[in-house]
Amino acid sequence: VGWYRQAPGKERELVADISHASAINYADSVKGRFTISRNNAENR
């Protein structure tokens, strides 16, 4: 699960995602500023 973003006139891009095993990827532009998390009990 994760988040993408799309600015006007630009392509949709990955912001961050997290696998079922909690492996995380961040776009370089958001590293150190954004934090992704998941709560499997809440499907969130």
PDB file of all heavy atoms in Angstrom:
ATOM      1  N   VAL A   1       0.851  -1.197   0.000  1.00  0.00           N
ATOM      2  CA  VAL A   1       0.000   0.000   0.000  1.00  0.00           C
ATOM      3  C   VAL A   1       0.876   1.233   0.000  1.00  0.00           C
ATOM      4  O   VAL A   1       2.025   1.191   0.486  1.00  0.00           O
ATOM      5  CB  VAL A   1      -0.953   0.011   1.215  1.00  0.00           C
ATOM      6  CG1 VAL A   1      -1.967  -1.107   1.099  1.00  0.00           C
ATOM      7  CG2 VAL A   1      -0.177  -0.135   2.531  1.00  0.00           C
ATOM      8  N   GLY A   2       0.346   2.312  -0.536  1.00  0.00           N
ATOM      9  CA  GLY A   2       1.177   3.510  -0.589  1.00  0.00           C
ATOM     10  C   GLY A   2       0.442   4.716  -1.118  1.00  0.00           C
ATOM     11  O   GLY A   2      -0.788   4.719  -1.221  1.00  0.00           O
ATOM     12  N   TRP A   3       1.242   5.725  -1.435  1.00  0.00           N
ATOM     13  CA  TRP A   3       0.727   7.002  -1.904  1.00  0.00           C
ATOM     14  C   TRP A   3       1.473   7.445  -3.154  1.00  0.00           C
ATOM     15  O   TRP A   3       2.711   7.347  -3.219  1.00  0.00           O
ATOM     16  CB  TRP A   3       0.901   8.072  -0.815  1.00  0.00           C
ATOM     17  CG  TRP A   3       0.076   7.815   0.387  1.00  0.00           C
ATOM     18  CD1 TRP A   3       0.431   7.088   1.488  1.00  0.00           C
ATOM     19  CD2 TRP A   3      -1.268   8.247   0.606  1.00  0.00           C
ATOM     20  NE1 TRP A   3      -0.617   7.049   2.392  1.00  0.00           N
ATOM     21  CE2 TRP A   3      -1.659   7.762   1.869  1.00  0.00           C
ATOM     22  CE3 TRP A   3      -2.174   9.005  -0.127  1.00  0.00           C
ATOM     23  CZ2 TRP A   3      -2.933   8.011   2.407  1.00  0.00           C
ATOM     24  CZ3 TRP A   3      -3.424   9.257   0.409  1.00  0.00           C
ATOM     25  CH2 TRP A   3      -3.794   8.765   1.654  1.00  0.00           C
ATOM     26  N   TYR A   4       0.708   7.917  -4.123  1.00  0.00           N
ATOM     27  CA  TYR A   4       1.229   8.562  -5.309  1.00  0.00           C
ATOM     28  C   TYR A   4       0.709  10.001  -5.314  1.00  0.00           C
ATOM     29  O   TYR A   4      -0.235  10.325  -4.607  1.00  0.00           O
ATOM     30  CB  TYR A   4       0.751   7.851  -6.575  1.00  0.00           C
ATOM     31  CG  TYR A   4       1.460   6.556  -6.869  1.00  0.00           C
ATOM     32  CD1 TYR A   4       1.279   5.439  -6.058  1.00  0.00           C
ATOM     33  CD2 TYR A   4       2.308   6.437  -7.969  1.00  0.00           C
ATOM     34  CE1 TYR A   4       1.927   4.243  -6.339  1.00  0.00           C
ATOM     35  CE2 TYR A   4       2.956   5.245  -8.263  1.00  0.00           C
ATOM     36  CZ  TYR A   4       2.765   4.156  -7.440  1.00  0.00           C
ATOM     37  OH  TYR A   4       3.413   2.974  -7.722  1.00  0.00           O
ATOM     38  N   ARG A   5       1.321  10.819  -6.147  1.00  0.00           N
ATOM     39  CA  ARG A   5       0.822  12.187  -6.301  1.00  0.00           C
ATOM     40  C   ARG A   5       0.941  12.623  -7.752  1.00  0.00           C
ATOM     41  O   ARG A   5       1.775  12.121  -8.500  1.00  0.00           O
ATOM     42  CB  ARG A   5       1.563  13.155  -5.388  1.00  0.00           C
ATOM     43  CG  ARG A   5       3.028  13.384  -5.738  1.00  0.00           C
ATOM     44  CD  ARG A   5       3.685  14.258  -4.665  1.00  0.00           C
ATOM     45  NE  ARG A   5       5.098  14.512  -4.962  1.00  0.00           N
ATOM     46  CZ  ARG A   5       5.929  15.134  -4.139  1.00  0.00           C
ATOM     47  NH1 ARG A   5       5.499  15.578  -2.953  1.00  0.00           N
ATOM     48  NH2 ARG A   5       7.189  15.329  -4.483  1.00  0.00           N
ATOM     49  N   GLN A   6       0.082  13.567  -8.095  1.00  0.00           N
ATOM     50  CA  GLN A   6       0.094  14.093  -9.458  1.00  0.00           C
ATOM     51  C   GLN A   6      -0.155  15.588  -9.400  1.00  0.00           C
ATOM     52  O   GLN A   6      -1.220  16.034  -8.944  1.00  0.00           O
ATOM     53  CB  GLN A   6      -0.944  13.406 -10.330  1.00  0.00           C
ATOM     54  CG  GLN A   6      -0.863  13.789 -11.792  1.00  0.00           C
ATOM     55  CD  GLN A   6      -1.688  12.885 -12.677  1.00  0.00           C
ATOM     56  OE1 GLN A   6      -2.598  12.195 -12.240  1.00  0.00           O
ATOM     57  NE2 GLN A   6      -1.360  12.872 -13.964  1.00  0.00           N
ATOM     58  N   ALA A   7       0.830  16.339  -9.871  1.00  0.00           N
ATOM     59  CA  ALA A   7       0.699  17.790  -9.962  1.00  0.00           C
ATOM     60  C   ALA A   7       0.181  18.150 -11.352  1.00  0.00           C
ATOM     61  O   ALA A   7       0.343  17.370 -12.302  1.00  0.00           O
ATOM     62  CB  ALA A   7       2.050  18.453  -9.711  1.00  0.00           C
ATOM     63  N   PRO A   8      -0.428  19.304 -11.504  1.00  0.00           N
ATOM     64  CA  PRO A   8      -0.948  19.708 -12.819  1.00  0.00           C
ATOM     65  C   PRO A   8       0.139  19.680 -13.886  1.00  0.00           C
ATOM     66  O   PRO A   8       1.239  20.196 -13.694  1.00  0.00           O
ATOM     67  CB  PRO A   8      -1.445  21.135 -12.570  1.00  0.00           C
ATOM     68  CG  PRO A   8      -1.763  21.183 -11.116  1.00  0.00           C
ATOM     69  CD  PRO A   8      -0.746  20.296 -10.456  1.00  0.00           C
ATOM     70  N   GLY A   9      -0.164  19.035 -15.004  1.00  0.00           N
ATOM     71  CA  GLY A   9       0.784  18.982 -16.113  1.00  0.00           C
ATOM     72  C   GLY A   9       1.913  17.985 -15.945  1.00  0.00           C
ATOM     73  O   GLY A   9       2.806  17.915 -16.789  1.00  0.00           O
ATOM     74  N   LYS A  10       1.875  17.215 -14.863  1.00  0.00           N
ATOM     75  CA  LYS A  10       2.941  16.239 -14.615  1.00  0.00           C
ATOM     76  C   LYS A  10       2.359  14.838 -14.511  1.00  0.00           C
ATOM     77  O   LYS A  10       1.161  14.652 -14.293  1.00  0.00           O
ATOM     78  CB  LYS A  10       3.695  16.592 -13.332  1.00  0.00           C
ATOM     79  CG  LYS A  10       4.454  17.903 -13.406  1.00  0.00           C
ATOM     80  CD  LYS A  10       5.359  18.076 -12.211  1.00  0.00           C
ATOM     81  CE  LYS A  10       6.201  19.334 -12.337  1.00  0.00           C
ATOM     82  NZ  LYS A  10       7.116  19.512 -11.172  1.00  0.00           N
ATOM     83  N   GLU A  11       3.239  13.848 -14.631  1.00  0.00           N
ATOM     84  CA  GLU A  11       2.811  12.464 -14.503  1.00  0.00           C
ATOM     85  C   GLU A  11       2.651  12.095 -13.033  1.00  0.00           C
ATOM     86  O   GLU A  11       3.275  12.679 -12.155  1.00  0.00           O
ATOM     87  CB  GLU A  11       3.842  11.540 -15.165  1.00  0.00           C
ATOM     88  CG  GLU A  11       3.922  11.691 -16.671  1.00  0.00           C
ATOM     89  CD  GLU A  11       4.817  10.642 -17.315  1.00  0.00           C
ATOM     90  OE1 GLU A  11       5.450   9.874 -16.567  1.00  0.00           O
ATOM     91  OE2 GLU A  11       4.882  10.603 -18.548  1.00  0.00           O
ATOM     92  N   ARG A  12       1.818  11.104 -12.814  1.00  0.00           N
ATOM     93  CA  ARG A  12       1.660  10.588 -11.458  1.00  0.00           C
ATOM     94  C   ARG A  12       2.964   9.918 -11.035  1.00  0.00           C
ATOM     95  O   ARG A  12       3.570   9.174 -11.810  1.00  0.00           O
ATOM     96  CB  ARG A  12       0.502   9.598 -11.403  1.00  0.00           C
ATOM     97  CG  ARG A  12       0.076   9.215 -10.012  1.00  0.00           C
ATOM     98  CD  ARG A  12      -1.201   8.406 -10.028  1.00  0.00           C
ATOM     99  NE  ARG A  12      -2.342   9.181 -10.527  1.00  0.00           N
ATOM    100  CZ  ARG A  12      -3.600   8.768 -10.461  1.00  0.00           C
ATOM    101  NH1 ARG A  12      -3.885   7.593  -9.915  1.00  0.00           N
ATOM    102  NH2 ARG A  12      -4.571   9.510 -10.943  1.00  0.00           N
ATOM    103  N   GLU A  13       3.373  10.162  -9.786  1.00  0.00           N
ATOM    104  CA  GLU A  13       4.637   9.615  -9.309  1.00  0.00           C
ATOM    105  C   GLU A  13       4.458   8.994  -7.927  1.00  0.00           C
ATOM    106  O   GLU A  13       3.615   9.429  -7.136  1.00  0.00           O
ATOM    107  CB  GLU A  13       5.711  10.708  -9.224  1.00  0.00           C
ATOM    108  CG  GLU A  13       5.405  11.831  -8.252  1.00  0.00           C
ATOM    109  CD  GLU A  13       6.541  12.841  -8.111  1.00  0.00           C
ATOM    110  OE1 GLU A  13       7.577  12.695  -8.791  1.00  0.00           O
ATOM    111  OE2 GLU A  13       6.388  13.781  -7.311  1.00  0.00           O
ATOM    112  N   LEU A  14       5.294   7.998  -7.671  1.00  0.00           N
ATOM    113  CA  LEU A  14       5.283   7.366  -6.358  1.00  0.00           C
ATOM    114  C   LEU A  14       5.839   8.333  -5.321  1.00  0.00           C
ATOM    115  O   LEU A  14       6.896   8.931  -5.514  1.00  0.00           O
ATOM    116  CB  LEU A  14       6.131   6.096  -6.377  1.00  0.00           C
ATOM    117  CG  LEU A  14       6.324   5.408  -5.027  1.00  0.00           C
ATOM    118  CD1 LEU A  14       5.029   4.794  -4.530  1.00  0.00           C
ATOM    119  CD2 LEU A  14       7.422   4.353  -5.117  1.00  0.00           C
ATOM    120  N   VAL A  15       5.126   8.440  -4.204  1.00  0.00           N
ATOM    121  CA  VAL A  15       5.624   9.204  -3.058  1.00  0.00           C
ATOM    122  C   VAL A  15       6.279   8.247  -2.060  1.00  0.00           C
ATOM    123  O   VAL A  15       7.424   8.422  -1.659  1.00  0.00           O
ATOM    124  CB  VAL A  15       4.492   9.975  -2.372  1.00  0.00           C
ATOM    125  CG1 VAL A  15       5.008  10.706  -1.133  1.00  0.00           C
ATOM    126  CG2 VAL A  15       3.846  10.954  -3.344  1.00  0.00           C
ATOM    127  N   ALA A  16       5.528   7.218  -1.671  1.00  0.00           N
ATOM    128  CA  ALA A  16       6.040   6.219  -0.733  1.00  0.00           C
ATOM    129  C   ALA A  16       5.128   5.010  -0.764  1.00  0.00           C
ATOM    130  O   ALA A  16       3.930   5.138  -1.009  1.00  0.00           O
ATOM    131  CB  ALA A  16       6.097   6.777   0.696  1.00  0.00           C
ATOM    132  N   ASP A  17       5.714   3.840  -0.543  1.00  0.00           N
ATOM    133  CA  ASP A  17       4.885   2.655  -0.353  1.00  0.00           C
ATOM    134  C   ASP A  17       5.508   1.748   0.693  1.00  0.00           C
ATOM    135  O   ASP A  17       6.671   1.900   1.067  1.00  0.00           O
ATOM    136  CB  ASP A  17       4.589   1.923  -1.667  1.00  0.00           C
ATOM    137  CG  ASP A  17       5.817   1.334  -2.332  1.00  0.00           C
ATOM    138  OD1 ASP A  17       6.880   1.219  -1.688  1.00  0.00           O
ATOM    139  OD2 ASP A  17       5.726   0.976  -3.521  1.00  0.00           O
ATOM    140  N   ILE A  18       4.682   0.818   1.181  1.00  0.00           N
ATOM    141  CA  ILE A  18       5.108  -0.093   2.237  1.00  0.00           C
ATOM    142  C   ILE A  18       4.513  -1.463   1.938  1.00  0.00           C
ATOM    143  O   ILE A  18       3.311  -1.600   1.703  1.00  0.00           O
ATOM    144  CB  ILE A  18       4.703   0.448   3.628  1.00  0.00           C
ATOM    145  CG1 ILE A  18       5.132  -0.501   4.737  1.00  0.00           C
ATOM    146  CG2 ILE A  18       3.210   0.760   3.717  1.00  0.00           C
ATOM    147  CD1 ILE A  18       5.014   0.125   6.134  1.00  0.00           C
ATOM    148  N   SER A  19       5.366  -2.468   1.934  1.00  0.00           N
ATOM    149  CA  SER A  19       4.926  -3.816   1.587  1.00  0.00           C
ATOM    150  C   SER A  19       4.273  -4.505   2.784  1.00  0.00           C
ATOM    151  O   SER A  19       4.285  -3.987   3.907  1.00  0.00           O
ATOM    152  CB  SER A  19       6.112  -4.639   1.104  1.00  0.00           C
ATOM    153  OG  SER A  19       6.929  -5.006   2.214  1.00  0.00           O
ATOM    154  N   HIS A  20       3.754  -5.713   2.542  1.00  0.00           N
ATOM    155  CA  HIS A  20       3.152  -6.479   3.631  1.00  0.00           C
ATOM    156  C   HIS A  20       4.189  -6.826   4.692  1.00  0.00           C
ATOM    157  O   HIS A  20       3.853  -7.017   5.850  1.00  0.00           O
ATOM    158  CB  HIS A  20       2.519  -7.764   3.074  1.00  0.00           C
ATOM    159  CG  HIS A  20       3.521  -8.757   2.595  1.00  0.00           C
ATOM    160  ND1 HIS A  20       4.161  -8.644   1.381  1.00  0.00           N
ATOM    161  CD2 HIS A  20       4.014  -9.871   3.179  1.00  0.00           C
ATOM    162  CE1 HIS A  20       4.989  -9.660   1.236  1.00  0.00           C
ATOM    163  NE2 HIS A  20       4.925 -10.420   2.315  1.00  0.00           N
ATOM    164  N   ALA A  21       5.473  -6.857   4.264  1.00  0.00           N
ATOM    165  CA  ALA A  21       6.554  -7.151   5.210  1.00  0.00           C
ATOM    166  C   ALA A  21       7.172  -5.868   5.766  1.00  0.00           C
ATOM    167  O   ALA A  21       8.242  -5.913   6.384  1.00  0.00           O
ATOM    168  CB  ALA A  21       7.632  -7.984   4.520  1.00  0.00           C
ATOM    169  N   SER A  22       6.520  -4.747   5.495  1.00  0.00           N
ATOM    170  CA  SER A  22       6.952  -3.432   5.992  1.00  0.00           C
ATOM    171  C   SER A  22       8.240  -2.922   5.362  1.00  0.00           C
ATOM    172  O   SER A  22       8.937  -2.092   5.965  1.00  0.00           O
ATOM    173  CB  SER A  22       7.064  -3.426   7.520  1.00  0.00           C
ATOM    174  OG  SER A  22       5.796  -3.609   8.107  1.00  0.00           O
ATOM    175  N   ALA A  23       8.568  -3.403   4.172  1.00  0.00           N
ATOM    176  CA  ALA A  23       9.646  -2.789   3.399  1.00  0.00           C
ATOM    177  C   ALA A  23       9.110  -1.485   2.818  1.00  0.00           C
ATOM    178  O   ALA A  23       8.011  -1.453   2.265  1.00  0.00           O
ATOM    179  CB  ALA A  23      10.092  -3.719   2.280  1.00  0.00           C
ATOM    180  N   ILE A  24       9.892  -0.423   2.933  1.00  0.00           N
ATOM    181  CA  ILE A  24       9.419   0.918   2.572  1.00  0.00           C
ATOM    182  C   ILE A  24      10.271   1.524   1.461  1.00  0.00           C
ATOM    183  O   ILE A  24      11.501   1.383   1.468  1.00  0.00           O
ATOM    184  CB  ILE A  24       9.446   1.838   3.815  1.00  0.00           C
ATOM    185  CG1 ILE A  24       8.412   1.366   4.841  1.00  0.00           C
ATOM    186  CG2 ILE A  24       9.194   3.286   3.429  1.00  0.00           C
ATOM    187  CD1 ILE A  24       8.448   2.132   6.150  1.00  0.00           C
ATOM    188  N   ASN A  25       9.591   2.188   0.536  1.00  0.00           N
ATOM    189  CA  ASN A  25      10.258   2.982  -0.496  1.00  0.00           C
ATOM    190  C   ASN A  25       9.768   4.418  -0.389  1.00  0.00           C
ATOM    191  O   ASN A  25       8.575   4.648  -0.186  1.00  0.00           O
ATOM    192  CB  ASN A  25       9.909   2.469  -1.901  1.00  0.00           C
ATOM    193  CG  ASN A  25      10.475   1.109  -2.166  1.00  0.00           C
ATOM    194  OD1 ASN A  25      11.673   0.890  -2.034  1.00  0.00           O
ATOM    195  ND2 ASN A  25       9.635   0.175  -2.545  1.00  0.00           N
ATOM    196  N   TYR A  26      10.684   5.352  -0.556  1.00  0.00           N
ATOM    197  CA  TYR A  26      10.343   6.766  -0.608  1.00  0.00           C
ATOM    198  C   TYR A  26      10.907   7.378  -1.888  1.00  0.00           C
ATOM    199  O   TYR A  26      12.007   7.027  -2.318  1.00  0.00           O
ATOM    200  CB  TYR A  26      10.939   7.549   0.568  1.00  0.00           C
ATOM    201  CG  TYR A  26      10.322   7.273   1.913  1.00  0.00           C
ATOM    202  CD1 TYR A  26      10.998   6.518   2.866  1.00  0.00           C
ATOM    203  CD2 TYR A  26       9.064   7.772   2.242  1.00  0.00           C
ATOM    204  CE1 TYR A  26      10.448   6.278   4.120  1.00  0.00           C
ATOM    205  CE2 TYR A  26       8.500   7.534   3.485  1.00  0.00           C
ATOM    206  CZ  TYR A  26       9.208   6.779   4.419  1.00  0.00           C
ATOM    207  OH  TYR A  26       8.638   6.540   5.648  1.00  0.00           O
ATOM    208  N   ALA A  27      10.182   8.329  -2.451  1.00  0.00           N
ATOM    209  CA  ALA A  27      10.765   9.164  -3.496  1.00  0.00           C
ATOM    210  C   ALA A  27      11.887   9.989  -2.872  1.00  0.00           C
ATOM    211  O   ALA A  27      11.795  10.411  -1.715  1.00  0.00           O
ATOM    212  CB  ALA A  27       9.698  10.091  -4.077  1.00  0.00           C
ATOM    213  N   ASP A  28      12.927  10.219  -3.652  1.00  0.00           N
ATOM    214  CA  ASP A  28      14.072  10.980  -3.127  1.00  0.00           C
ATOM    215  C   ASP A  28      13.643  12.354  -2.623  1.00  0.00           C
ATOM    216  O   ASP A  28      14.181  12.866  -1.642  1.00  0.00           O
ATOM    217  CB  ASP A  28      15.138  11.144  -4.211  1.00  0.00           C
ATOM    218  CG  ASP A  28      15.900   9.860  -4.486  1.00  0.00           C
ATOM    219  OD1 ASP A  28      15.830   8.936  -3.647  1.00  0.00           O
ATOM    220  OD2 ASP A  28      16.549   9.780  -5.540  1.00  0.00           O
ATOM    221  N   SER A  29      12.653  12.936  -3.286  1.00  0.00           N
ATOM    222  CA  SER A  29      12.252  14.300  -2.959  1.00  0.00           C
ATOM    223  C   SER A  29      11.557  14.417  -1.597  1.00  0.00           C
ATOM    224  O   SER A  29      11.418  15.527  -1.076  1.00  0.00           O
ATOM    225  CB  SER A  29      11.312  14.836  -4.043  1.00  0.00           C
ATOM    226  OG  SER A  29      10.158  14.026  -4.151  1.00  0.00           O
ATOM    227  N   VAL A  30      11.139  13.289  -1.026  1.00  0.00           N
ATOM    228  CA  VAL A  30      10.419  13.361   0.254  1.00  0.00           C
ATOM    229  C   VAL A  30      11.167  12.679   1.397  1.00  0.00           C
ATOM    230  O   VAL A  30      10.728  12.741   2.546  1.00  0.00           O
ATOM    231  CB  VAL A  30       8.998  12.760   0.132  1.00  0.00           C
ATOM    232  CG1 VAL A  30       8.241  13.396  -1.024  1.00  0.00           C
ATOM    233  CG2 VAL A  30       9.034  11.246   0.010  1.00  0.00           C
ATOM    234  N   LYS A  31      12.295  12.044   1.089  1.00  0.00           N
ATOM    235  CA  LYS A  31      13.052  11.356   2.138  1.00  0.00           C
ATOM    236  C   LYS A  31      13.447  12.330   3.241  1.00  0.00           C
ATOM    237  O   LYS A  31      13.908  13.442   2.969  1.00  0.00           O
ATOM    238  CB  LYS A  31      14.310  10.712   1.543  1.00  0.00           C
ATOM    239  CG  LYS A  31      14.042   9.443   0.770  1.00  0.00           C
ATOM    240  CD  LYS A  31      15.326   8.852   0.199  1.00  0.00           C
ATOM    241  CE  LYS A  31      15.025   7.594  -0.601  1.00  0.00           C
ATOM    242  NZ  LYS A  31      16.240   7.046  -1.258  1.00  0.00           N
ATOM    243  N   GLY A  32      13.247  11.893   4.468  1.00  0.00           N
ATOM    244  CA  GLY A  32      13.582  12.734   5.612  1.00  0.00           C
ATOM    245  C   GLY A  32      12.472  13.690   6.013  1.00  0.00           C
ATOM    246  O   GLY A  32      12.548  14.311   7.077  1.00  0.00           O
ATOM    247  N   ARG A  33      11.444  13.821   5.180  1.00  0.00           N
ATOM    248  CA  ARG A  33      10.331  14.734   5.487  1.00  0.00           C
ATOM    249  C   ARG A  33       9.008  13.985   5.657  1.00  0.00           C
ATOM    250  O   ARG A  33       8.172  14.396   6.466  1.00  0.00           O
ATOM    251  CB  ARG A  33      10.178  15.773   4.369  1.00  0.00           C
ATOM    252  CG  ARG A  33      11.404  16.622   4.144  1.00  0.00           C
ATOM    253  CD  ARG A  33      11.124  17.766   3.161  1.00  0.00           C
ATOM    254  NE  ARG A  33      10.746  17.288   1.830  1.00  0.00           N
ATOM    255  CZ  ARG A  33       9.588  17.580   1.235  1.00  0.00           C
ATOM    256  NH1 ARG A  33       8.699  18.354   1.834  1.00  0.00           N
ATOM    257  NH2 ARG A  33       9.334  17.118   0.019  1.00  0.00           N
ATOM    258  N   PHE A  34       8.816  12.920   4.895  1.00  0.00           N
ATOM    259  CA  PHE A  34       7.566  12.163   4.922  1.00  0.00           C
ATOM    260  C   PHE A  34       7.813  10.804   5.587  1.00  0.00           C
ATOM    261  O   PHE A  34       8.885  10.221   5.428  1.00  0.00           O
ATOM    262  CB  PHE A  34       7.039  11.919   3.515  1.00  0.00           C
ATOM    263  CG  PHE A  34       6.533  13.137   2.784  1.00  0.00           C
ATOM    264  CD1 PHE A  34       6.750  14.419   3.264  1.00  0.00           C
ATOM    265  CD2 PHE A  34       5.828  13.004   1.602  1.00  0.00           C
ATOM    266  CE1 PHE A  34       6.287  15.536   2.595  1.00  0.00           C
ATOM    267  CE2 PHE A  34       5.350  14.100   0.909  1.00  0.00           C
ATOM    268  CZ  PHE A  34       5.581  15.370   1.405  1.00  0.00           C
ATOM    269  N   THR A  35       6.787  10.304   6.277  1.00  0.00           N
ATOM    270  CA  THR A  35       6.854   8.984   6.893  1.00  0.00           C
ATOM    271  C   THR A  35       5.574   8.228   6.575  1.00  0.00           C
ATOM    272  O   THR A  35       4.472   8.713   6.860  1.00  0.00           O
ATOM    273  CB  THR A  35       7.018   9.091   8.412  1.00  0.00           C
ATOM    274  OG1 THR A  35       8.200   9.841   8.715  1.00  0.00           O
ATOM    275  CG2 THR A  35       7.133   7.702   9.030  1.00  0.00           C
ATOM    276  N   ILE A  36       5.736   7.041   6.000  1.00  0.00           N
ATOM    277  CA  ILE A  36       4.580   6.190   5.706  1.00  0.00           C
ATOM    278  C   ILE A  36       4.473   5.123   6.782  1.00  0.00           C
ATOM    279  O   ILE A  36       5.490   4.644   7.302  1.00  0.00           O
ATOM    280  CB  ILE A  36       4.695   5.557   4.300  1.00  0.00           C
ATOM    281  CG1 ILE A  36       3.374   4.893   3.906  1.00  0.00           C
ATOM    282  CG2 ILE A  36       5.855   4.569   4.226  1.00  0.00           C
ATOM    283  CD1 ILE A  36       3.325   4.461   2.444  1.00  0.00           C
ATOM    284  N   SER A  37       3.241   4.757   7.118  1.00  0.00           N
ATOM    285  CA  SER A  37       3.017   3.695   8.096  1.00  0.00           C
ATOM    286  C   SER A  37       1.734   2.959   7.742  1.00  0.00           C
ATOM    287  O   SER A  37       0.884   3.494   7.020  1.00  0.00           O
ATOM    288  CB  SER A  37       2.936   4.264   9.515  1.00  0.00           C
ATOM    289  OG  SER A  37       1.866   5.182   9.629  1.00  0.00           O
ATOM    290  N   ARG A  38       1.609   1.739   8.266  1.00  0.00           N
ATOM    291  CA  ARG A  38       0.394   0.970   8.030  1.00  0.00           C
ATOM    292  C   ARG A  38      -0.079   0.367   9.340  1.00  0.00           C
ATOM    293  O   ARG A  38       0.727   0.039  10.219  1.00  0.00           O
ATOM    294  CB  ARG A  38       0.618  -0.133   6.988  1.00  0.00           C
ATOM    295  CG  ARG A  38       1.590  -1.215   7.385  1.00  0.00           C
ATOM    296  CD  ARG A  38       1.864  -2.166   6.199  1.00  0.00           C
ATOM    297  NE  ARG A  38       0.671  -2.887   5.809  1.00  0.00           N
ATOM    298  CZ  ARG A  38       0.531  -3.484   4.615  1.00  0.00           C
ATOM    299  NH1 ARG A  38       1.513  -3.422   3.726  1.00  0.00           N
ATOM    300  NH2 ARG A  38      -0.579  -4.140   4.323  1.00  0.00           N
ATOM    301  N   ASN A  39      -1.384   0.227   9.446  1.00  0.00           N
ATOM    302  CA  ASN A  39      -2.006  -0.397  10.605  1.00  0.00           C
ATOM    303  C   ASN A  39      -2.899  -1.501  10.064  1.00  0.00           C
ATOM    304  O   ASN A  39      -4.003  -1.242   9.565  1.00  0.00           O
ATOM    305  CB  ASN A  39      -2.809   0.636  11.395  1.00  0.00           C
ATOM    306  CG  ASN A  39      -3.419   0.053  12.658  1.00  0.00           C
ATOM    307  OD1 ASN A  39      -3.833  -1.101  12.691  1.00  0.00           O
ATOM    308  ND2 ASN A  39      -3.479   0.869  13.693  1.00  0.00           N
ATOM    309  N   ASN A  40      -2.434  -2.735  10.147  1.00  0.00           N
ATOM    310  CA  ASN A  40      -3.182  -3.843   9.563  1.00  0.00           C
ATOM    311  C   ASN A  40      -4.487  -4.127  10.319  1.00  0.00           C
ATOM    312  O   ASN A  40      -5.440  -4.630   9.736  1.00  0.00           O
ATOM    313  CB  ASN A  40      -2.315  -5.098   9.525  1.00  0.00           C
ATOM    314  CG  ASN A  40      -1.205  -5.006   8.490  1.00  0.00           C
ATOM    315  OD1 ASN A  40      -1.277  -4.180   7.570  1.00  0.00           O
ATOM    316  ND2 ASN A  40      -0.188  -5.832   8.630  1.00  0.00           N
ATOM    317  N   ALA A  41      -4.537  -3.803  11.586  1.00  0.00           N
ATOM    318  CA  ALA A  41      -5.753  -4.028  12.363  1.00  0.00           C
ATOM    319  C   ALA A  41      -6.876  -3.093  11.901  1.00  0.00           C
ATOM    320  O   ALA A  41      -8.061  -3.441  12.014  1.00  0.00           O
ATOM    321  CB  ALA A  41      -5.478  -3.825  13.843  1.00  0.00           C
ATOM    322  N   GLU A  42      -6.493  -1.910  11.391  1.00  0.00           N
ATOM    323  CA  GLU A  42      -7.490  -0.931  10.945  1.00  0.00           C
ATOM    324  C   GLU A  42      -7.583  -0.840   9.424  1.00  0.00           C
ATOM    325  O   GLU A  42      -8.340  -0.020   8.909  1.00  0.00           O
ATOM    326  CB  GLU A  42      -7.152   0.447  11.513  1.00  0.00           C
ATOM    327  CG  GLU A  42      -7.216   0.529  13.032  1.00  0.00           C
ATOM    328  CD  GLU A  42      -6.915   1.923  13.550  1.00  0.00           C
ATOM    329  OE1 GLU A  42      -6.592   2.826  12.745  1.00  0.00           O
ATOM    330  OE2 GLU A  42      -6.991   2.111  14.779  1.00  0.00           O
ATOM    331  N   ASN A  43      -6.793  -1.663   8.710  1.00  0.00           N
ATOM    332  CA  ASN A  43      -6.741  -1.573   7.237  1.00  0.00           C
ATOM    333  C   ASN A  43      -6.432  -0.157   6.783  1.00  0.00           C
ATOM    334  O   ASN A  43      -7.043   0.368   5.848  1.00  0.00           O
ATOM    335  CB  ASN A  43      -8.064  -2.043   6.620  1.00  0.00           C
ATOM    336  CG  ASN A  43      -8.225  -3.548   6.645  1.00  0.00           C
ATOM    337  OD1 ASN A  43      -7.428  -4.250   7.281  1.00  0.00           O
ATOM    338  ND2 ASN A  43      -9.254  -4.048   6.003  1.00  0.00           N
ATOM    339  N   ARG A  44      -5.448   0.450   7.428  1.00  0.00           N
ATOM    340  CA  ARG A  44      -5.166   1.862   7.215  1.00  0.00           C
ATOM    341  C   ARG A  44      -3.703   2.073   6.828  1.00  0.00           C
ATOM    342  O   ARG A  44      -2.800   1.474   7.409  1.00  0.00           O
ATOM    343  CB  ARG A  44      -5.466   2.654   8.491  1.00  0.00           C
ATOM    344  CG  ARG A  44      -5.244   4.157   8.373  1.00  0.00           C
ATOM    345  CD  ARG A  44      -5.375   4.819   9.749  1.00  0.00           C
ATOM    346  NE  ARG A  44      -6.690   4.575  10.338  1.00  0.00           N
ATOM    347  CZ  ARG A  44      -7.753   5.322  10.122  1.00  0.00           C
ATOM    348  NH1 ARG A  44      -7.653   6.390   9.330  1.00  0.00           N
ATOM    349  NH2 ARG A  44      -8.911   5.035  10.683  1.00  0.00           N
TER     350      ARG A  44
END
